[in-house]
C-alpha cells in the first residue's frame, strides 16, 4: 500500500498528464465539429486524432486505476484531488 504522500505525488502527476492529453484532444477537434457538436468523420479517422485519443484514454485509465486502488481515507483527507477529478470529468 502506498503512503498518503506517495499518493499525492502520483495523483498530481497523473492528473497533469490527463490535463495535457485533454488539451491536445481539444486542439485536434477544435473547429471540426458539426451542427450537433459531434466530431467529423474525417477528423476521427485521422492519425493525429487516433494517437491523441489513445494517449488520453491511457491517461484517463491510469487515473481510474490509481483512484480505485487507494484507501478511501486518502480521498477524504485530500478533497483537493476530488475537486480536480470532478473538473476533469466535466471537461471530457
Protein backbone atom coordinates (compact mmCIF):
# COMPACT_ATOMS: atom_id res chain seq x y z
CA UNK A 1 0.00 0.00 0.00
CA UNK A 2 1.30 3.44 -0.86
CA UNK A 3 1.54 6.23 1.66
CA UNK A 4 -0.57 9.35 1.51
CA UNK A 5 2.39 11.46 0.37
CA UNK A 6 3.18 8.99 -2.42
CA UNK A 7 -0.47 9.11 -3.44
CA UNK A 8 -0.44 12.91 -3.64
CA UNK A 9 2.66 12.92 -5.84
CA UNK A 10 1.35 10.17 -8.11
CA UNK A 11 -2.11 11.77 -8.38
CA UNK A 12 -0.64 15.17 -9.24
CA UNK A 13 1.48 13.59 -11.96
CA UNK A 14 -1.42 11.59 -13.41
CA UNK A 15 -3.88 14.49 -13.33
CA UNK A 16 -1.29 16.72 -15.02
CA UNK A 17 -0.85 14.13 -17.78
CA UNK A 18 -4.62 13.89 -18.13
CA UNK A 19 -4.94 17.67 -18.47
CA UNK A 20 -2.22 17.76 -21.13
CA UNK A 21 -3.80 14.99 -23.19
CA UNK A 22 -7.27 16.53 -22.85
CA UNK A 23 -5.93 19.87 -24.09
CA UNK A 24 -4.28 18.13 -27.03
CA UNK A 25 -7.52 16.33 -27.86
CA UNK A 26 -9.46 19.60 -27.75
CA UNK A 27 -6.85 21.22 -30.01
CA UNK A 28 -7.21 18.45 -32.61
CA UNK A 29 -11.01 18.64 -32.63
CA UNK A 30 -11.39 22.42 -32.32
CA UNK A 31 -13.36 23.86 -35.18
CA UNK A 32 -14.03 20.44 -36.68
CA UNK A 33 -17.44 19.75 -35.21
CA UNK A 34 -20.77 19.54 -36.94
CA UNK A 35 -24.05 21.23 -36.10
CA UNK A 36 -24.75 18.86 -33.21
CA UNK A 37 -21.25 19.19 -31.75
CA UNK A 38 -20.01 15.82 -32.99
CA UNK A 39 -16.51 15.49 -34.38
CA UNK A 40 -16.50 14.96 -38.15
CA UNK A 41 -15.60 11.58 -39.62
CA UNK A 42 -12.54 12.95 -41.39
CA UNK A 43 -11.07 14.10 -38.09
CA UNK A 44 -12.00 10.90 -36.23
CA UNK A 45 -10.28 8.81 -38.91
CA UNK A 46 -7.11 10.91 -38.95
CA UNK A 47 -3.90 9.55 -37.45
CA UNK A 48 -3.44 12.62 -35.23
CA UNK A 49 -6.86 12.18 -33.63
CA UNK A 50 -6.38 8.44 -33.10
CA UNK A 51 -2.97 8.92 -31.46
CA UNK A 52 -4.24 11.74 -29.25
CA UNK A 53 -7.38 9.82 -28.28
CA UNK A 54 -5.31 6.74 -27.40
CA UNK A 55 -2.98 8.82 -25.20
CA UNK A 56 -5.99 10.42 -23.49
CA UNK A 57 -7.63 7.04 -22.84
CA UNK A 58 -4.40 5.69 -21.32
CA UNK A 59 -4.08 8.73 -19.05
CA UNK A 60 -7.74 8.51 -18.01
CA UNK A 61 -7.47 4.81 -17.22
CA UNK A 62 -4.30 5.39 -15.20
CA UNK A 63 -6.17 7.92 -13.05
CA UNK A 64 -9.07 5.47 -12.63
CA UNK A 65 -6.72 2.67 -11.59
CA UNK A 66 -4.98 4.87 -9.03
CA UNK A 67 -8.22 6.15 -7.54
CA UNK A 68 -9.65 2.64 -7.39
CA UNK A 69 -6.61 1.16 -5.68
CA UNK A 70 -6.11 3.64 -2.85
CA UNK A 71 -7.83 3.59 0.53
CA UNK A 72 -10.92 5.78 0.69
CA UNK A 73 -9.37 7.58 3.65
CA UNK A 74 -6.88 9.22 1.27
CA UNK A 75 -9.68 10.68 -0.81
CA UNK A 76 -11.41 12.01 2.30
CA UNK A 77 -8.17 13.51 3.61
CA UNK A 78 -7.42 15.34 0.43
CA UNK A 79 -10.57 16.91 -1.02
CA UNK A 80 -8.48 18.97 -3.44
CA UNK A 81 -7.91 15.92 -5.63
CA UNK A 82 -11.62 15.12 -5.57
CA UNK A 83 -12.34 18.59 -6.97
CA UNK A 84 -9.72 18.07 -9.68
CA UNK A 85 -11.35 14.74 -10.62
CA UNK A 86 -14.74 16.44 -10.93
CA UNK A 87 -13.29 19.21 -13.14
CA UNK A 88 -11.53 16.68 -15.37
CA UNK A 89 -14.67 14.55 -15.69
CA UNK A 90 -16.77 17.56 -16.66
CA UNK A 91 -14.27 18.52 -19.41
CA UNK A 92 -14.34 15.09 -21.03
